[in-house]
N, C-alpha and C. Protein backbone atom coordinates (compact mmCIF):
# COMPACT_ATOMS: atom_id res chain seq x y z
N MET A 1 -12.26 -6.25 -6.20
CA MET A 1 -11.04 -5.53 -5.97
C MET A 1 -10.97 -4.19 -6.90
N HIS A 2 -11.71 -4.35 -8.09
CA HIS A 2 -11.84 -3.16 -8.90
C HIS A 2 -12.42 -1.96 -8.10
N LYS A 3 -13.41 -2.15 -7.31
CA LYS A 3 -14.00 -1.11 -6.61
C LYS A 3 -13.07 -0.46 -5.55
N LEU A 4 -12.26 -1.20 -4.88
CA LEU A 4 -11.24 -0.95 -3.96
C LEU A 4 -10.18 -0.05 -4.66
N THR A 5 -9.80 -0.60 -5.71
CA THR A 5 -8.74 0.21 -6.59
C THR A 5 -9.23 1.52 -7.02
N GLU A 6 -10.49 1.62 -7.36
CA GLU A 6 -11.13 2.83 -7.83
C GLU A 6 -11.27 3.89 -6.61
N SER A 7 -11.70 3.34 -5.55
CA SER A 7 -11.84 4.16 -4.39
C SER A 7 -10.57 4.71 -3.83
N ILE A 8 -9.47 3.89 -3.78
CA ILE A 8 -8.27 4.43 -3.25
C ILE A 8 -7.61 5.37 -4.26
N GLY A 9 -7.80 5.09 -5.47
CA GLY A 9 -7.24 5.98 -6.55
C GLY A 9 -7.91 7.37 -6.41
N LYS A 10 -9.22 7.42 -6.20
CA LYS A 10 -9.96 8.71 -6.12
C LYS A 10 -9.43 9.39 -4.90
N TYR A 11 -9.29 8.61 -3.87
CA TYR A 11 -8.69 9.25 -2.57
C TYR A 11 -7.39 9.85 -2.74
N LEU A 12 -6.51 9.18 -3.42
CA LEU A 12 -5.13 9.62 -3.68
C LEU A 12 -5.08 11.02 -4.40
N LEU A 13 -5.96 10.93 -5.53
CA LEU A 13 -5.97 12.11 -6.29
C LEU A 13 -6.66 13.32 -5.65
N ALA A 14 -7.72 12.97 -4.88
CA ALA A 14 -8.31 14.13 -4.10
C ALA A 14 -7.46 14.60 -2.96
N ALA A 15 -6.58 13.81 -2.49
CA ALA A 15 -5.68 14.21 -1.32
C ALA A 15 -4.46 15.05 -1.84
N VAL A 16 -4.03 14.83 -2.94
CA VAL A 16 -2.97 15.57 -3.50
C VAL A 16 -3.24 16.75 -4.43
N SER A 17 -4.50 16.77 -5.01
CA SER A 17 -4.79 17.93 -5.84
C SER A 17 -4.78 19.20 -5.24
N PRO A 18 -5.17 19.53 -3.98
CA PRO A 18 -5.10 20.81 -3.35
C PRO A 18 -3.65 21.18 -3.07
N LEU A 19 -2.83 20.25 -3.01
CA LEU A 19 -1.30 20.53 -2.51
C LEU A 19 -0.48 20.80 -3.68
N ILE A 20 -0.84 20.58 -4.95
CA ILE A 20 0.11 20.71 -6.05
C ILE A 20 -0.34 21.82 -6.94
N ARG A 21 0.61 22.16 -7.71
CA ARG A 21 0.34 23.44 -8.71
C ARG A 21 -0.24 22.98 -10.01
N ASN A 22 0.03 21.74 -10.34
CA ASN A 22 -0.35 21.19 -11.63
C ASN A 22 -1.24 19.95 -11.61
N PRO A 23 -2.49 19.95 -10.91
CA PRO A 23 -3.22 18.76 -10.69
C PRO A 23 -3.64 18.19 -11.93
N GLU A 24 -3.84 18.91 -13.03
CA GLU A 24 -4.28 18.31 -14.36
C GLU A 24 -3.11 17.46 -14.84
N LYS A 25 -1.90 17.65 -14.45
CA LYS A 25 -0.79 16.78 -14.94
C LYS A 25 -0.50 15.57 -13.96
N ALA A 26 -1.22 15.48 -12.85
CA ALA A 26 -1.10 14.37 -11.95
C ALA A 26 -1.66 13.03 -12.67
N GLU A 27 -0.84 11.99 -12.54
CA GLU A 27 -1.15 10.70 -13.23
C GLU A 27 -1.08 9.60 -12.21
N LEU A 28 -1.99 8.72 -12.12
CA LEU A 28 -2.06 7.56 -11.22
C LEU A 28 -1.97 6.33 -12.04
N ARG A 29 -0.98 5.62 -11.76
CA ARG A 29 -0.74 4.26 -12.39
C ARG A 29 -0.95 3.13 -11.24
N VAL A 30 -1.67 2.18 -11.66
CA VAL A 30 -1.97 1.13 -10.73
C VAL A 30 -1.55 -0.21 -11.30
N ALA A 31 -0.89 -1.02 -10.39
CA ALA A 31 -0.59 -2.38 -10.78
C ALA A 31 -0.99 -3.32 -9.53
N SER A 32 -1.42 -4.58 -10.05
CA SER A 32 -1.60 -5.52 -8.77
C SER A 32 -0.82 -6.77 -9.02
N THR A 33 -0.65 -7.55 -8.06
CA THR A 33 0.15 -8.83 -8.08
C THR A 33 -0.88 -9.83 -8.85
N PRO A 34 -0.43 -10.89 -9.46
CA PRO A 34 -1.25 -11.76 -10.18
C PRO A 34 -2.28 -12.60 -9.17
N ALA A 35 -1.81 -12.73 -7.92
CA ALA A 35 -2.59 -13.26 -6.87
C ALA A 35 -3.76 -12.44 -6.35
N GLY A 36 -3.52 -11.12 -6.66
CA GLY A 36 -4.58 -10.09 -6.27
C GLY A 36 -4.42 -9.71 -4.73
N ASP A 37 -3.35 -9.99 -4.15
CA ASP A 37 -3.16 -9.68 -2.70
C ASP A 37 -2.42 -8.33 -2.50
N MET A 38 -2.03 -7.73 -3.56
CA MET A 38 -1.32 -6.37 -3.37
C MET A 38 -1.66 -5.39 -4.52
N LEU A 39 -1.75 -4.16 -4.05
CA LEU A 39 -1.95 -3.09 -5.09
C LEU A 39 -0.81 -2.04 -5.01
N ARG A 40 -0.31 -1.73 -6.18
CA ARG A 40 0.79 -0.74 -6.11
C ARG A 40 0.39 0.45 -6.91
N PHE A 41 0.30 1.55 -6.19
CA PHE A 41 -0.10 2.88 -6.79
C PHE A 41 1.23 3.69 -7.02
N ARG A 42 1.29 4.28 -8.26
CA ARG A 42 2.39 5.15 -8.56
C ARG A 42 1.76 6.56 -8.88
N LEU A 43 2.00 7.29 -7.98
CA LEU A 43 1.50 8.81 -8.26
C LEU A 43 2.65 9.62 -8.97
N VAL A 44 2.41 9.84 -10.18
CA VAL A 44 3.38 10.51 -11.00
C VAL A 44 3.05 11.99 -11.21
N LEU A 45 3.99 12.82 -10.67
CA LEU A 45 3.72 14.37 -10.58
C LEU A 45 4.87 15.10 -11.21
N GLU A 46 4.67 16.28 -11.46
CA GLU A 46 5.81 17.23 -11.86
C GLU A 46 6.77 17.28 -10.78
N GLN A 47 7.99 17.51 -11.20
CA GLN A 47 9.09 17.59 -10.10
C GLN A 47 8.83 18.60 -8.99
N GLU A 48 8.42 19.79 -9.30
CA GLU A 48 8.14 20.69 -8.20
C GLU A 48 6.97 20.34 -7.36
N ASP A 49 6.10 19.57 -7.81
CA ASP A 49 4.89 19.04 -6.99
C ASP A 49 5.30 17.86 -6.01
N VAL A 50 6.31 17.09 -6.46
CA VAL A 50 6.73 15.96 -5.62
C VAL A 50 7.01 16.56 -4.20
N ALA A 51 7.78 17.55 -4.07
CA ALA A 51 8.20 18.04 -2.80
C ALA A 51 7.03 18.50 -2.00
N ARG A 52 6.01 19.05 -2.67
CA ARG A 52 4.99 19.66 -1.89
C ARG A 52 4.10 18.48 -1.34
N VAL A 53 4.06 17.29 -2.08
CA VAL A 53 3.17 16.18 -1.58
C VAL A 53 4.09 15.35 -0.51
N ILE A 54 5.29 15.29 -0.72
CA ILE A 54 6.06 14.58 0.37
C ILE A 54 6.05 15.35 1.68
N GLY A 55 6.18 16.63 1.72
CA GLY A 55 5.97 17.53 2.93
C GLY A 55 7.24 17.57 3.58
N ARG A 56 7.16 18.27 4.80
CA ARG A 56 8.27 18.42 5.58
C ARG A 56 8.60 17.22 6.31
N ASN A 57 9.80 16.63 6.26
CA ASN A 57 10.14 15.38 6.83
C ASN A 57 9.34 14.23 6.38
N GLY A 58 8.61 14.33 5.28
CA GLY A 58 7.91 13.22 4.68
C GLY A 58 6.56 13.04 5.36
N MET A 59 6.10 13.92 6.24
CA MET A 59 4.93 13.68 7.06
C MET A 59 3.64 13.60 6.19
N THR A 60 3.49 14.55 5.25
CA THR A 60 2.39 14.43 4.39
C THR A 60 2.24 13.12 3.60
N ALA A 61 3.29 12.68 3.03
CA ALA A 61 3.23 11.53 2.25
C ALA A 61 3.02 10.30 3.21
N SER A 62 3.60 10.35 4.37
CA SER A 62 3.31 9.31 5.37
C SER A 62 1.82 9.17 5.69
N ALA A 63 1.23 10.33 5.91
CA ALA A 63 -0.24 10.31 6.19
C ALA A 63 -1.06 9.76 5.02
N ILE A 64 -0.77 10.18 3.88
CA ILE A 64 -1.40 9.69 2.65
C ILE A 64 -1.25 8.14 2.51
N ARG A 65 0.00 7.74 2.68
CA ARG A 65 0.23 6.24 2.57
C ARG A 65 -0.47 5.54 3.72
N SER A 66 -0.55 6.00 4.84
CA SER A 66 -1.11 5.29 6.02
C SER A 66 -2.64 5.07 5.72
N LEU A 67 -3.29 6.19 5.31
CA LEU A 67 -4.77 5.97 4.96
C LEU A 67 -5.04 4.98 3.84
N ALA A 68 -4.23 5.06 2.73
CA ALA A 68 -4.49 4.16 1.78
C ALA A 68 -4.20 2.74 2.30
N LYS A 69 -3.17 2.47 2.99
CA LYS A 69 -2.73 1.36 3.57
C LYS A 69 -3.96 0.73 4.36
N ALA A 70 -4.51 1.56 5.26
CA ALA A 70 -5.62 1.13 6.01
C ALA A 70 -6.77 0.68 5.22
N ALA A 71 -7.16 1.37 4.20
CA ALA A 71 -8.27 1.00 3.27
C ALA A 71 -8.00 -0.35 2.73
N GLY A 72 -6.80 -0.66 2.29
CA GLY A 72 -6.43 -1.96 1.77
C GLY A 72 -6.52 -3.09 2.85
N GLU A 73 -5.97 -2.78 4.08
CA GLU A 73 -6.04 -3.79 5.07
C GLU A 73 -7.41 -4.16 5.37
N LYS A 74 -8.37 -3.28 5.36
CA LYS A 74 -9.73 -3.54 5.64
C LYS A 74 -10.24 -4.66 4.69
N ALA A 75 -9.82 -4.62 3.52
CA ALA A 75 -10.25 -5.57 2.44
C ALA A 75 -9.29 -6.66 2.41
N GLY A 76 -8.22 -6.79 3.21
CA GLY A 76 -7.22 -7.86 3.21
C GLY A 76 -6.20 -7.81 2.04
N ILE A 77 -5.95 -6.54 1.61
CA ILE A 77 -4.92 -6.47 0.47
C ILE A 77 -3.90 -5.37 0.94
N LYS A 78 -2.74 -5.62 0.64
CA LYS A 78 -1.63 -4.71 1.00
C LYS A 78 -1.55 -3.68 -0.13
N VAL A 79 -1.38 -2.36 0.28
CA VAL A 79 -1.36 -1.27 -0.54
C VAL A 79 -0.10 -0.60 -0.38
N VAL A 80 0.55 -0.20 -1.44
CA VAL A 80 1.81 0.40 -1.56
C VAL A 80 1.64 1.68 -2.36
N VAL A 81 2.07 2.82 -1.92
CA VAL A 81 1.89 4.03 -2.74
C VAL A 81 3.41 4.61 -2.92
N HIS A 82 3.80 4.78 -4.26
CA HIS A 82 5.00 5.48 -4.54
C HIS A 82 4.63 6.89 -5.21
N ILE A 83 5.41 7.79 -4.73
CA ILE A 83 5.29 9.19 -5.22
C ILE A 83 6.50 9.55 -6.07
N LEU A 84 6.30 9.79 -7.34
CA LEU A 84 7.48 9.89 -8.27
C LEU A 84 7.27 11.08 -9.06
N SER A 85 8.46 11.62 -9.56
CA SER A 85 8.40 12.72 -10.48
C SER A 85 8.34 12.04 -11.90
N ARG A 86 7.92 12.79 -12.96
CA ARG A 86 7.86 12.17 -14.32
C ARG A 86 9.18 11.55 -14.71
N GLU A 87 10.25 12.26 -14.27
CA GLU A 87 11.61 11.72 -14.69
C GLU A 87 11.82 10.44 -14.10
N GLU A 88 11.58 10.25 -12.83
CA GLU A 88 11.82 8.98 -12.06
C GLU A 88 10.88 7.92 -12.58
N ALA A 89 9.73 8.18 -12.94
CA ALA A 89 8.78 7.31 -13.49
C ALA A 89 9.15 6.64 -14.82
N GLU A 90 9.97 7.48 -15.67
CA GLU A 90 10.39 7.07 -17.01
C GLU A 90 11.55 6.01 -16.75
N THR A 91 12.29 6.26 -15.71
CA THR A 91 13.51 5.40 -15.59
C THR A 91 13.12 4.15 -14.72
N ALA A 92 12.01 4.16 -14.05
CA ALA A 92 11.66 3.02 -13.21
C ALA A 92 10.80 1.91 -14.11
């Protein structure tokens, strides 16, 4: 599962880096369930970058989530991707 986590994490950062103004401040947090059947990725960005990644009507975020979910399904693991600002991440 470590290999899957690493590859999805690299994909997420590679997908959003060209879209945002502060790629060096992008942070990826990963959590898994104790049973190992689910991975939760939290992509923490600057507030101005969140809107860029979500896109118009959420289409960009939806595409990013769909590809990450498909990679997990191939391995039999549910993948959830949350896109948060730093402020939201501190309260969550």
